[in-house]
C-alpha atoms as a PDB file:
ATOM      1  CA  UNK A   1       0.000   0.000   0.000  1.00  0.00           C
ATOM      2  CA  UNK A   2       2.932   2.329   0.676  1.00  0.00           C
ATOM      3  CA  UNK A   3       4.386   1.624  -2.768  1.00  0.00           C
ATOM      4  CA  UNK A   4       1.012   2.470  -4.352  1.00  0.00           C
ATOM      5  CA  UNK A   5       0.875   5.674  -2.259  1.00  0.00           C
ATOM      6  CA  UNK A   6      -2.269   4.480  -0.499  1.00  0.00           C
ATOM      7  CA  UNK A   7      -0.573   4.456   2.924  1.00  0.00           C
ATOM      8  CA  UNK A   8       1.365   7.418   4.304  1.00  0.00           C
ATOM      9  CA  UNK A   9       1.943   6.214   7.868  1.00  0.00           C
ATOM     10  CA  UNK A  10       4.865   4.390   9.410  1.00  0.00           C
ATOM     11  CA  UNK A  11       6.014   1.144   7.817  1.00  0.00           C
ATOM     12  CA  UNK A  12       6.606  -1.735  10.229  1.00  0.00           C
ATOM     13  CA  UNK A  13       9.066  -4.491   9.448  1.00  0.00           C
ATOM     14  CA  UNK A  14       7.708  -8.027   9.309  1.00  0.00           C
ATOM     15  CA  UNK A  15       9.382 -10.424  11.730  1.00  0.00           C
ATOM     16  CA  UNK A  16      11.351 -13.301  10.247  1.00  0.00           C
ATOM     17  CA  UNK A  17       9.557 -16.581  10.972  1.00  0.00           C
ATOM     18  CA  UNK A  18      11.155 -19.341  13.012  1.00  0.00           C
ATOM     19  CA  UNK A  19      11.285 -22.476  10.914  1.00  0.00           C
ATOM     20  CA  UNK A  20      11.350 -25.981  12.300  1.00  0.00           C
ATOM     21  CA  UNK A  21      13.422 -28.188  10.025  1.00  0.00           C
ATOM     22  CA  UNK A  22      12.328 -31.555  11.404  1.00  0.00           C
ATOM     23  CA  UNK A  23       9.355 -30.645  13.602  1.00  0.00           C
ATOM     24  CA  UNK A  24      11.009 -31.538  16.912  1.00  0.00           C
ATOM     25  CA  UNK A  25       8.633 -30.310  19.590  1.00  0.00           C
ATOM     26  CA  UNK A  26       7.469 -31.132  23.085  1.00  0.00           C
ATOM     27  CA  UNK A  27       3.795 -31.217  24.021  1.00  0.00           C
ATOM     28  CA  UNK A  28       2.621 -29.955  27.409  1.00  0.00           C
ATOM     29  CA  UNK A  29      -0.448 -31.889  28.523  1.00  0.00           C
ATOM     30  CA  UNK A  30      -2.434 -31.512  31.731  1.00  0.00           C
ATOM     31  CA  UNK A  31      -2.163 -34.223  34.370  1.00  0.00           C
ATOM     32  CA  UNK A  32      -5.404 -33.125  36.038  1.00  0.00           C
ATOM     33  CA  UNK A  33      -8.646 -31.317  35.306  1.00  0.00           C
ATOM     34  CA  UNK A  34      -9.161 -27.776  36.575  1.00  0.00           C
ATOM     35  CA  UNK A  35      -8.395 -24.161  35.756  1.00  0.00           C
ATOM     36  CA  UNK A  36      -5.093 -23.464  33.977  1.00  0.00           C
ATOM     37  CA  UNK A  37      -3.303 -20.271  35.029  1.00  0.00           C
ATOM     38  CA  UNK A  38      -0.174 -19.667  32.918  1.00  0.00           C
ATOM     39  CA  UNK A  39       2.907 -18.015  34.388  1.00  0.00           C
ATOM     40  CA  UNK A  40       4.759 -17.484  31.089  1.00  0.00           C
ATOM     41  CA  UNK A  41       3.857 -15.751  27.853  1.00  0.00           C
ATOM     42  CA  UNK A  42       3.562 -16.931  24.291  1.00  0.00           C
ATOM     43  CA  UNK A  43       6.966 -16.648  22.620  1.00  0.00           C
ATOM     44  CA  UNK A  44       9.027 -17.066  25.809  1.00  0.00           C
ATOM     45  CA  UNK A  45      12.191 -19.156  25.705  1.00  0.00           C
ATOM     46  CA  UNK A  46      11.975 -21.920  28.322  1.00  0.00           C
ATOM     47  CA  UNK A  47      14.397 -24.379  29.898  1.00  0.00           C
ATOM     48  CA  UNK A  48      13.900 -27.718  31.678  1.00  0.00           C
ATOM     49  CA  UNK A  49      12.088 -27.005  34.929  1.00  0.00           C
ATOM     50  CA  UNK A  50      10.712 -23.608  33.837  1.00  0.00           C
ATOM     51  CA  UNK A  51       7.386 -22.963  35.590  1.00  0.00           C
ATOM     52  CA  UNK A  52       4.781 -22.833  32.788  1.00  0.00           C
ATOM     53  CA  UNK A  53       1.696 -22.484  34.974  1.00  0.00           C
ATOM     54  CA  UNK A  54      -0.569 -24.060  37.579  1.00  0.00           C
ATOM     55  CA  UNK A  55      -3.681 -26.215  37.500  1.00  0.00           C
ATOM     56  CA  UNK A  56      -6.136 -24.971  40.121  1.00  0.00           C
ATOM     57  CA  UNK A  57      -9.083 -26.706  41.739  1.00  0.00           C
ATOM     58  CA  UNK A  58     -12.105 -24.636  40.587  1.00  0.00           C
ATOM     59  CA  UNK A  59     -13.904 -24.969  43.933  1.00  0.00           C
ATOM     60  CA  UNK A  60     -11.121 -24.209  46.397  1.00  0.00           C
ATOM     61  CA  UNK A  61      -8.583 -22.348  44.248  1.00  0.00           C
ATOM     62  CA  UNK A  62      -5.745 -24.522  45.528  1.00  0.00           C
ATOM     63  CA  UNK A  63      -2.968 -25.658  43.205  1.00  0.00           C
ATOM     64  CA  UNK A  64      -3.648 -29.221  42.065  1.00  0.00           C
ATOM     65  CA  UNK A  65      -0.493 -29.582  39.986  1.00  0.00           C
ATOM     66  CA  UNK A  66       2.324 -27.444  38.636  1.00  0.00           C
ATOM     67  CA  UNK A  67       3.176 -27.518  34.930  1.00  0.00           C
ATOM     68  CA  UNK A  68       6.888 -27.304  34.058  1.00  0.00           C
ATOM     69  CA  UNK A  69       8.918 -27.533  30.880  1.00  0.00           C
ATOM     70  CA  UNK A  70      10.710 -30.783  30.061  1.00  0.00           C
ATOM     71  CA  UNK A  71      13.031 -29.322  27.425  1.00  0.00           C
ATOM     72  CA  UNK A  72      14.794 -26.205  26.166  1.00  0.00           C
ATOM     73  CA  UNK A  73      13.067 -24.252  23.431  1.00  0.00           C
ATOM     74  CA  UNK A  74      10.548 -21.657  22.297  1.00  0.00           C
ATOM     75  CA  UNK A  75       7.030 -21.759  23.738  1.00  0.00           C
ATOM     76  CA  UNK A  76       5.074 -21.233  20.529  1.00  0.00           C
ATOM     77  CA  UNK A  77       1.628 -22.435  21.631  1.00  0.00           C
ATOM     78  CA  UNK A  78      -0.025 -21.581  24.954  1.00  0.00           C
ATOM     79  CA  UNK A  79      -3.580 -22.403  25.944  1.00  0.00           C
ATOM     80  CA  UNK A  80      -5.807 -19.359  26.447  1.00  0.00           C
ATOM     81  CA  UNK A  81      -9.079 -21.044  27.415  1.00  0.00           C
ATOM     82  CA  UNK A  82      -8.601 -21.784  31.136  1.00  0.00           C
ATOM     83  CA  UNK A  83     -10.958 -24.753  31.660  1.00  0.00           C
ATOM     84  CA  UNK A  84      -8.961 -27.937  31.219  1.00  0.00           C
ATOM     85  CA  UNK A  85      -9.684 -31.667  31.313  1.00  0.00           C
ATOM     86  CA  UNK A  86      -7.059 -34.265  32.158  1.00  0.00           C
ATOM     87  CA  UNK A  87      -4.805 -34.802  29.146  1.00  0.00           C
ATOM     88  CA  UNK A  88      -5.723 -31.479  27.483  1.00  0.00           C
ATOM     89  CA  UNK A  89      -3.017 -29.704  25.497  1.00  0.00           C
ATOM     90  CA  UNK A  90      -1.630 -26.707  27.412  1.00  0.00           C
ATOM     91  CA  UNK A  91       1.196 -25.721  25.108  1.00  0.00           C
ATOM     92  CA  UNK A  92       3.875 -26.731  22.640  1.00  0.00           C
ATOM     93  CA  UNK A  93       7.600 -26.062  22.769  1.00  0.00           C
ATOM     94  CA  UNK A  94       9.750 -25.941  19.650  1.00  0.00           C
ATOM     95  CA  UNK A  95      12.947 -27.662  20.776  1.00  0.00           C
ATOM     96  CA  UNK A  96      16.246 -25.835  20.463  1.00  0.00           C
ATOM     97  CA  UNK A  97      19.150 -27.371  18.604  1.00  0.00           C
ATOM     98  CA  UNK A  98      22.031 -28.441  20.872  1.00  0.00           C
ATOM     99  CA  UNK A  99      24.618 -26.589  18.787  1.00  0.00           C
ATOM    100  CA  UNK A 100      23.434 -23.084  19.732  1.00  0.00           C
ATOM    101  CA  UNK A 101      23.318 -21.939  23.344  1.00  0.00           C
ATOM    102  CA  UNK A 102      21.373 -18.722  22.608  1.00  0.00           C
ATOM    103  CA  UNK A 103      18.329 -20.553  21.327  1.00  0.00           C
ATOM    104  CA  UNK A 104      18.474 -19.031  17.867  1.00  0.00           C
ATOM    105  CA  UNK A 105      18.770 -22.349  16.044  1.00  0.00           C
ATOM    106  CA  UNK A 106      15.814 -24.680  16.117  1.00  0.00           C
ATOM    107  CA  UNK A 107      15.599 -28.253  14.923  1.00  0.00           C
END
């Protein structure tokens, strides 16, 4: 639109996508039913043991189970709808390649 002189505002750069070469990812599934309250944000880089969120009992509000990361990588999917059944998908982590410590290379 800018090139056609239809837009005269600021031009934002488009982010380069992260590409998974072989689709190596880790799935975060709920161990219990309840209310999922995330403690990280979409797009965060996580490590083994990173606190992803908590499953709460809907009646008492107590923490039923804690959800943690099992691998190093980019959290590229995070559940937004809080009501969860046992086994429900909570998030997906795109695993990081072992040859790059900054997390810029994904497998």
